[in-house]
Amino acid sequence: MTQAVDLANAINNFVVGCKQDGIWDPIKACCIMAAWDGLDGALYPLKGTAPTNFNFVAGDYDRETGLVGNGSTKYLDSNRNNNTDPQDSRHLSVYATTATTSAASGSNMFPCYIGSGYTSGGSLIQRQPSNSQFLVCKLSDNVESQGPSGSGSATGFIAVNRSSSAQFSLRANGANTAFNVTSTVPQSRSTGVFRQFEQLTVTYSNARLSFYSIGENLDLALLDNRVSTLMTDIGAAIP
């Protein structure tokens, strides 16, 4: 097969597999930021509204590994508001081929993978500033919950999901961690990728990401399997 056919099959298999698993409909906004021949293709949505590009250029994109931030000026606005999905049915996910290590200078640096903000009803996934071994996250609530040791340097599929008012989960390094945190009314703020939108100067990420999704409650292990398989297939198709 040609490379183009292999890549098309990889993406088709992802969509078909998600439908078979019952996780396609809950995905409301999604970009595969790899495989495509150029930056414009990487920002064309597989589902939902196209993100708005702020400062990414062609040299930031790699067909196999995705789009890399710079920790200071480059980000995407997903154009999906944090309050669009139900308070107790929501998820955020990314696929990191390189973990974030920096943000803009300051004493309170939280380099963010994806999110709206950190106050009441905000949602996000970001690295803990004082100890890079931990992720901190929230999903329409008032608490920033700390993930397990090693989550801060995790690569691959990273996501949060809420299926009830009483609890949400973080998935990193192939495992789920549950947090007993009660939901609050979702913050009205757009969801950023490579940055959250509430505190702008200290949350930029220099991660390399090849996928993101936003939407309603779904099974994180099933989505992890589909996205990880997709990225393996894309890598196999590109010499």
Protein backbone atom coordinates (compact mmCIF):
# COMPACT_ATOMS: atom_id res chain seq x y z
CA MET A 1 0.00 0.00 0.00
CA THR A 2 1.05 3.61 -0.43
CA GLN A 3 1.75 5.82 2.55
CA ALA A 4 -1.40 7.85 1.89
CA VAL A 5 -3.55 4.71 1.90
CA ASP A 6 -1.92 3.46 5.12
CA LEU A 7 -2.60 6.78 6.84
CA ALA A 8 -6.17 6.92 5.58
CA ASN A 9 -6.73 3.38 6.85
CA ALA A 10 -5.28 4.29 10.25
CA ILE A 11 -7.69 7.20 10.65
CA ASN A 12 -10.64 5.22 9.30
CA ASN A 13 -9.88 2.36 11.69
CA PHE A 14 -9.79 4.84 14.57
CA VAL A 15 -13.22 6.25 13.74
CA VAL A 16 -14.77 2.83 13.09
CA GLY A 17 -13.23 1.47 16.29
CA CYS A 18 -14.54 4.37 18.36
CA LYS A 19 -18.01 3.78 16.94
CA GLN A 20 -17.78 0.09 17.77
CA ASP A 21 -16.72 0.94 21.33
CA GLY A 22 -19.56 3.43 21.77
CA ILE A 23 -17.19 6.36 22.38
CA TRP A 24 -17.52 8.22 19.07
CA ASP A 25 -20.69 10.18 19.88
CA PRO A 26 -19.36 11.59 23.19
CA ILE A 27 -16.38 13.08 21.33
CA LYS A 28 -17.63 16.53 20.37
CA ALA A 29 -14.39 18.23 19.28
CA CYS A 30 -11.28 16.42 18.07
CA CYS A 31 -8.12 17.01 16.04
CA ILE A 32 -5.55 14.45 14.94
CA MET A 33 -2.49 16.71 14.87
CA ALA A 34 -0.31 14.23 12.99
CA ALA A 35 -0.37 12.25 9.72
CA TRP A 36 -1.44 15.16 7.55
CA ASP A 37 0.74 16.74 4.89
CA GLY A 38 1.15 20.16 6.50
CA LEU A 39 0.00 22.29 9.41
CA ASP A 40 -3.36 23.18 7.87
CA GLY A 41 -4.31 19.51 7.73
CA ALA A 42 -3.23 18.96 11.33
CA LEU A 43 -5.63 21.69 12.46
CA TYR A 44 -8.56 20.49 10.37
CA PRO A 45 -11.02 18.95 12.83
CA LEU A 46 -11.90 15.29 12.71
CA LYS A 47 -15.01 16.32 14.62
CA GLY A 48 -16.44 19.64 15.80
CA THR A 49 -15.21 23.17 15.22
CA ALA A 50 -11.70 23.89 13.92
CA PRO A 51 -9.31 25.36 16.49
CA THR A 52 -7.88 28.84 16.02
CA ASN A 53 -4.09 28.82 15.64
CA PHE A 54 -2.05 31.34 17.58
CA ASN A 55 1.58 31.53 16.42
CA PHE A 56 2.24 27.95 15.33
CA VAL A 57 4.18 27.75 12.05
CA ALA A 58 5.01 24.94 9.65
CA GLY A 59 8.32 24.21 11.40
CA ASP A 60 6.45 23.35 14.63
CA TYR A 61 4.70 20.42 12.98
CA ASP A 62 5.91 16.87 12.41
CA ARG A 63 3.71 14.36 10.58
CA GLU A 64 4.64 11.53 12.94
CA THR A 65 4.88 13.22 16.33
CA GLY A 66 2.55 16.23 16.06
CA LEU A 67 2.68 19.89 17.03
CA VAL A 68 5.15 21.34 19.55
CA GLY A 69 4.54 24.34 21.79
CA ASN A 70 7.21 26.79 22.92
CA GLY A 71 6.13 27.46 26.51
CA SER A 72 5.49 31.14 25.89
CA THR A 73 3.43 32.21 22.86
CA LYS A 74 2.05 29.25 20.88
CA TYR A 75 -1.39 27.77 21.61
CA LEU A 76 -4.73 26.76 20.13
CA ASP A 77 -8.20 27.98 21.00
CA SER A 78 -10.42 24.93 20.55
CA ASN A 79 -13.44 27.22 20.14
CA ARG A 80 -15.41 24.92 22.44
CA ASN A 81 -16.60 26.55 25.64
CA ASN A 82 -16.09 24.69 28.90
CA ASN A 83 -19.80 25.12 29.68
CA THR A 84 -20.99 23.43 26.46
CA ASP A 85 -20.87 19.90 27.83
CA PRO A 86 -23.03 18.77 30.77
CA GLN A 87 -21.73 19.49 34.26
CA ASP A 88 -21.54 15.79 35.16
CA SER A 89 -20.73 14.30 31.74
CA ARG A 90 -17.47 15.57 30.26
CA HIS A 91 -13.92 14.69 29.25
CA LEU A 92 -10.69 16.27 28.04
CA SER A 93 -7.86 14.31 26.44
CA VAL A 94 -4.51 14.77 24.71
CA TYR A 95 -1.83 12.47 23.31
CA ALA A 96 1.63 13.74 24.27
CA THR A 97 4.56 12.47 22.26
CA THR A 98 6.78 14.69 24.45
CA ALA A 99 5.80 15.77 27.98
CA THR A 100 5.70 19.42 28.94
CA THR A 101 8.71 20.75 30.85
CA SER A 102 8.28 24.51 30.94
CA ALA A 103 6.02 27.53 30.94
CA ALA A 104 6.56 31.27 30.87
CA SER A 105 8.85 32.55 33.62
CA GLY A 106 7.35 33.14 37.03
CA SER A 107 7.06 31.69 40.53
CA ASN A 108 3.81 29.83 39.91
CA MET A 109 4.25 28.03 36.61
CA PHE A 110 1.58 25.48 35.63
CA PRO A 111 2.30 24.43 32.02
CA CYS A 112 -1.09 23.29 30.77
CA TYR A 113 -1.90 20.60 28.22
CA ILE A 114 -5.56 21.51 27.80
CA GLY A 115 -8.16 23.44 29.77
CA SER A 116 -10.33 26.44 30.45
CA GLY A 117 -9.15 27.69 33.84
CA TYR A 118 -8.43 26.94 37.48
CA THR A 119 -11.16 28.67 39.52
CA SER A 120 -14.71 27.51 40.26
CA GLY A 121 -16.08 25.23 37.56
CA GLY A 122 -12.88 25.22 35.53
CA SER A 123 -11.42 22.19 33.76
CA LEU A 124 -7.79 21.44 32.94
CA ILE A 125 -4.82 19.08 32.87
CA GLN A 126 -1.45 20.64 33.72
CA ARG A 127 1.89 19.93 35.36
CA GLN A 128 2.41 20.76 39.03
CA PRO A 129 4.88 23.67 39.22
CA SER A 130 6.90 22.75 42.32
CA ASN A 131 7.28 19.06 41.46
CA SER A 132 7.32 17.99 37.82
CA GLN A 133 6.53 14.38 38.82
CA PHE A 134 2.86 15.25 39.27
CA LEU A 135 -0.01 16.34 37.09
CA VAL A 136 -2.78 18.42 38.60
CA CYS A 137 -6.25 18.42 37.12
CA LYS A 138 -9.86 19.42 37.58
CA LEU A 139 -13.07 18.87 35.70
CA SER A 140 -15.84 21.37 36.43
CA ASP A 141 -15.06 21.66 40.14
CA ASN A 142 -13.39 23.82 42.79
CA VAL A 143 -10.32 21.67 43.56
CA GLU A 144 -7.07 21.07 41.71
CA SER A 145 -6.46 17.35 42.31
CA GLN A 146 -2.94 15.94 42.20
CA GLY A 147 -2.24 12.83 40.15
CA PRO A 148 0.06 9.98 41.17
CA SER A 149 3.84 10.21 41.19
CA GLY A 150 5.20 9.94 37.66
CA SER A 151 2.11 11.42 36.06
CA GLY A 152 3.87 14.75 35.48
CA SER A 153 6.35 13.18 33.09
CA ALA A 154 3.79 10.92 31.42
CA THR A 155 3.67 10.67 27.66
CA GLY A 156 1.04 9.03 25.50
CA PHE A 157 -2.65 9.34 26.29
CA ILE A 158 -3.52 11.75 29.13
CA ALA A 159 -7.15 12.52 29.97
CA VAL A 160 -9.78 13.37 32.56
CA ASN A 161 -13.40 12.19 32.60
CA ARG A 162 -16.43 12.92 34.78
CA SER A 163 -19.45 10.62 34.76
CA SER A 164 -21.11 11.76 38.01
CA SER A 165 -21.41 14.76 40.29
CA ALA A 166 -19.33 13.07 43.00
CA GLN A 167 -16.22 11.88 41.19
CA PHE A 168 -13.93 12.25 38.19
CA SER A 169 -10.89 10.35 36.94
CA LEU A 170 -7.46 11.12 35.53
CA ARG A 171 -5.81 8.68 33.12
CA ALA A 172 -2.03 8.79 32.69
CA ASN A 173 0.61 6.10 32.16
CA GLY A 174 -2.15 3.65 31.21
CA ALA A 175 -3.98 3.79 34.54
CA ASN A 176 -6.97 5.64 36.00
CA THR A 177 -6.87 7.60 39.27
CA ALA A 178 -10.23 8.55 40.80
CA PHE A 179 -10.86 11.76 42.73
CA ASN A 180 -13.87 12.18 45.01
CA VAL A 181 -14.48 15.82 44.09
CA THR A 182 -17.98 17.24 43.70
CA SER A 183 -18.74 19.09 40.48
CA THR A 184 -19.72 22.75 40.29
CA VAL A 185 -21.37 24.82 37.56
CA PRO A 186 -19.00 24.75 34.54
CA GLN A 187 -16.92 27.87 34.03
CA SER A 188 -17.86 29.89 30.94
CA ARG A 189 -14.52 30.09 29.17
CA SER A 190 -13.11 28.60 25.99
CA THR A 191 -10.95 25.49 26.24
CA GLY A 192 -7.34 26.02 25.23
CA VAL A 193 -4.78 23.52 23.99
CA PHE A 194 -1.15 24.12 25.06
CA ARG A 195 -2.58 26.67 27.52
CA GLN A 196 -5.59 27.43 29.70
CA PHE A 197 -7.39 30.73 29.32
CA GLU A 198 -7.83 32.06 32.83
CA GLN A 199 -4.23 32.87 33.72
CA LEU A 200 -2.41 33.49 30.49
CA THR A 201 1.23 34.22 31.19
CA VAL A 202 2.32 31.22 33.25
CA THR A 203 0.46 28.30 31.73
CA TYR A 204 1.90 27.83 28.23
CA SER A 205 3.17 24.33 27.47
CA ASN A 206 6.14 23.21 25.40
CA ALA A 207 4.77 19.69 25.01
CA ARG A 208 4.45 18.00 21.63
CA LEU A 209 0.87 16.85 21.09
CA SER A 210 -0.57 14.75 18.29
CA PHE A 211 -4.23 14.54 19.39
CA TYR A 212 -6.83 16.24 21.53
CA SER A 213 -10.50 15.65 22.22
CA ILE A 214 -13.20 17.42 24.20
CA GLY A 215 -16.71 16.23 24.95
CA GLU A 216 -18.98 14.18 27.16
CA ASN A 217 -18.42 11.20 29.45
CA LEU A 218 -16.75 8.16 27.90
CA ASP A 219 -14.56 5.19 28.83
CA LEU A 220 -10.98 6.50 29.08
CA ALA A 221 -9.38 3.06 28.74
CA LEU A 222 -11.22 2.46 25.46
CA LEU A 223 -10.25 5.87 24.09
CA ASP A 224 -6.66 5.34 25.23
CA ASN A 225 -6.52 2.08 23.30
CA ARG A 226 -7.95 3.65 20.12
CA VAL A 227 -5.75 6.76 20.21
CA SER A 228 -2.59 4.82 21.09
CA THR A 229 -3.26 2.36 18.26
CA LEU A 230 -3.86 5.27 15.89
CA MET A 231 -0.52 6.86 16.77
CA THR A 232 1.31 3.54 16.40
CA ASP A 233 -0.27 3.06 12.97
CA ILE A 234 0.63 6.60 11.90
CA GLY A 235 4.22 6.06 12.99
CA ALA A 236 4.40 2.79 11.07
CA ALA A 237 3.11 4.46 7.91
CA ILE A 238 5.66 7.31 7.96
CA PRO A 239 9.29 6.30 7.29
